[in-house]
Protein backbone atom coordinates (compact mmCIF):
# COMPACT_ATOMS: atom_id res chain seq x y z
CA MET A 1 -52.56 66.24 21.81
CA VAL A 2 -52.74 62.93 23.61
CA CYS A 3 -54.72 60.32 22.42
CA GLU A 4 -57.48 58.67 24.92
CA CYS A 5 -57.01 55.16 23.88
CA ILE A 6 -54.01 53.80 24.96
CA ARG A 7 -52.68 50.70 22.76
CA PHE A 8 -50.39 48.13 24.30
CA ILE A 9 -47.70 46.62 22.27
CA VAL A 10 -44.80 44.34 22.74
CA TRP A 11 -41.42 45.90 22.13
CA ALA A 12 -38.36 43.79 21.57
CA ASN A 13 -34.63 44.85 22.12
CA ARG A 14 -31.57 43.45 23.32
CA LYS A 15 -32.59 43.15 27.08
CA GLY A 16 -35.88 41.11 26.08
CA ILE A 17 -39.41 41.89 25.79
CA VAL A 18 -41.10 44.81 27.21
CA LEU A 19 -44.78 45.76 27.48
CA CYS A 20 -45.01 49.30 26.38
CA THR A 21 -47.81 51.80 25.66
CA TYR A 22 -48.27 53.33 22.56
CA SER A 23 -50.57 56.41 21.42
CA ARG A 24 -50.68 57.59 17.88
CA TYR A 25 -50.69 61.13 19.03
CA SER A 26 -48.08 61.23 21.63
CA ARG A 27 -47.14 64.58 23.60
CA SER A 28 -43.58 64.58 21.73
CA ASN A 29 -45.14 63.00 18.52
CA SER A 30 -42.48 60.24 18.82
CA THR A 31 -43.42 56.86 17.44
CA VAL A 32 -41.03 55.20 20.01
CA PRO A 33 -43.41 53.43 22.64
CA GLU A 34 -42.81 54.31 26.16
CA PRO A 35 -42.41 51.23 28.62
CA MET A 36 -45.40 50.73 31.19
CA ASN A 37 -44.74 51.63 34.75
CA ASP A 38 -45.45 48.97 37.47
CA HIS A 39 -48.97 50.20 38.42
CA GLU A 40 -50.07 49.96 34.33
CA LEU A 41 -48.61 46.74 34.00
CA ALA A 42 -50.25 45.29 37.39
CA THR A 43 -53.69 46.83 36.13
CA LEU A 44 -53.35 44.96 32.74
CA ASN A 45 -52.19 41.97 34.34
CA GLN A 46 -55.01 42.23 36.54
CA LYS A 47 -57.46 42.80 33.62
CA ILE A 48 -56.09 39.86 31.77
CA ASP A 49 -56.57 37.70 34.82
CA ASP A 50 -60.34 38.78 35.09
CA LEU A 51 -60.95 38.04 31.23
CA VAL A 52 -59.26 34.44 31.86
CA ALA A 53 -61.50 33.86 34.86
CA ILE A 54 -64.52 35.06 33.05
CA SER A 55 -63.75 33.04 29.96
CA LEU A 56 -63.24 29.98 31.95
CA LYS A 57 -66.51 30.60 33.82
CA LEU A 58 -68.35 31.07 30.62
CA LYS A 59 -66.96 27.99 29.13
CA LYS A 60 -68.06 26.19 32.21
CA GLU A 61 -71.51 27.42 32.02
CA ASN A 62 -71.61 26.88 28.06
CA ARG A 63 -70.74 23.14 28.88
CA LEU A 64 -73.40 22.97 31.38
CA LEU A 65 -75.92 24.58 29.40
CA ARG A 66 -75.21 22.25 26.50
CA ALA A 67 -75.55 19.33 28.85
CA LYS A 68 -78.75 20.62 30.09
CA GLU A 69 -80.11 21.11 26.33
CA HIS A 70 -79.16 17.57 25.48
CA THR A 71 -81.07 16.12 28.53
CA TRP A 72 -84.08 18.46 27.68
CA LEU A 73 -84.07 17.18 23.80
CA ALA A 74 -83.85 13.71 25.21
CA GLU A 75 -86.87 13.96 27.36
CA ARG A 76 -88.55 15.85 24.70
CA ALA A 77 -88.28 13.01 22.25
CA LYS A 78 -89.48 10.60 24.88
CA LEU A 79 -92.24 12.51 25.71
CA MET A 80 -93.39 13.15 21.91
CA GLU A 81 -93.03 9.14 21.36
CA LYS A 82 -95.36 8.83 24.57
CA ASN A 83 -97.70 11.33 23.16
CA ASP A 84 -97.64 9.35 19.72
CA VAL A 85 -98.46 6.18 21.63
CA ALA A 86 -101.15 7.61 23.64
CA ARG A 87 -102.76 9.31 20.57
CA SER A 88 -102.92 5.88 18.70
CA LYS A 89 -104.31 4.05 21.88
CA VAL A 90 -107.12 6.96 21.92
CA GLU A 91 -107.81 6.88 18.42
CA ALA A 92 -108.01 2.85 18.31
CA MET A 93 -110.48 3.12 21.36
CA ILE A 94 -112.67 5.77 19.40
CA ASN A 95 -112.72 3.40 16.31
CA ARG A 96 -113.83 0.42 18.23
CA LEU A 97 -116.37 2.46 20.16
CA ARG A 98 -117.81 3.67 16.43
CA THR A 99 -117.66 -0.25 15.52
CA LEU A 100 -119.64 -1.25 18.63
CA GLU A 101 -122.12 1.67 18.08
CA HIS A 102 -122.69 0.79 14.19
CA GLU A 103 -123.14 -2.78 15.28
CA SER A 104 -125.86 -2.33 17.80
């Protein structure tokens, strides 16, 4: 029985480090991993490159979104302050009008 999930492991030997595939259920039921062929290694390398590119893109996008959020929060704070000033002025005008009305 062959496992559909292939796990990649690093196999160290006297010649160096070799990237290998290992399946818990191999045809020979051997626990010794088999070295990856060139196609598998190239595919894995491309997938890793793709993941690195996606990660860098997402980090850049995240930085931009955080910068925009910071800008919007600052703008929101200014607008809320302006709103409070306008509300105070309107309330003051209403109070003056009431005062003038009672004096007449």
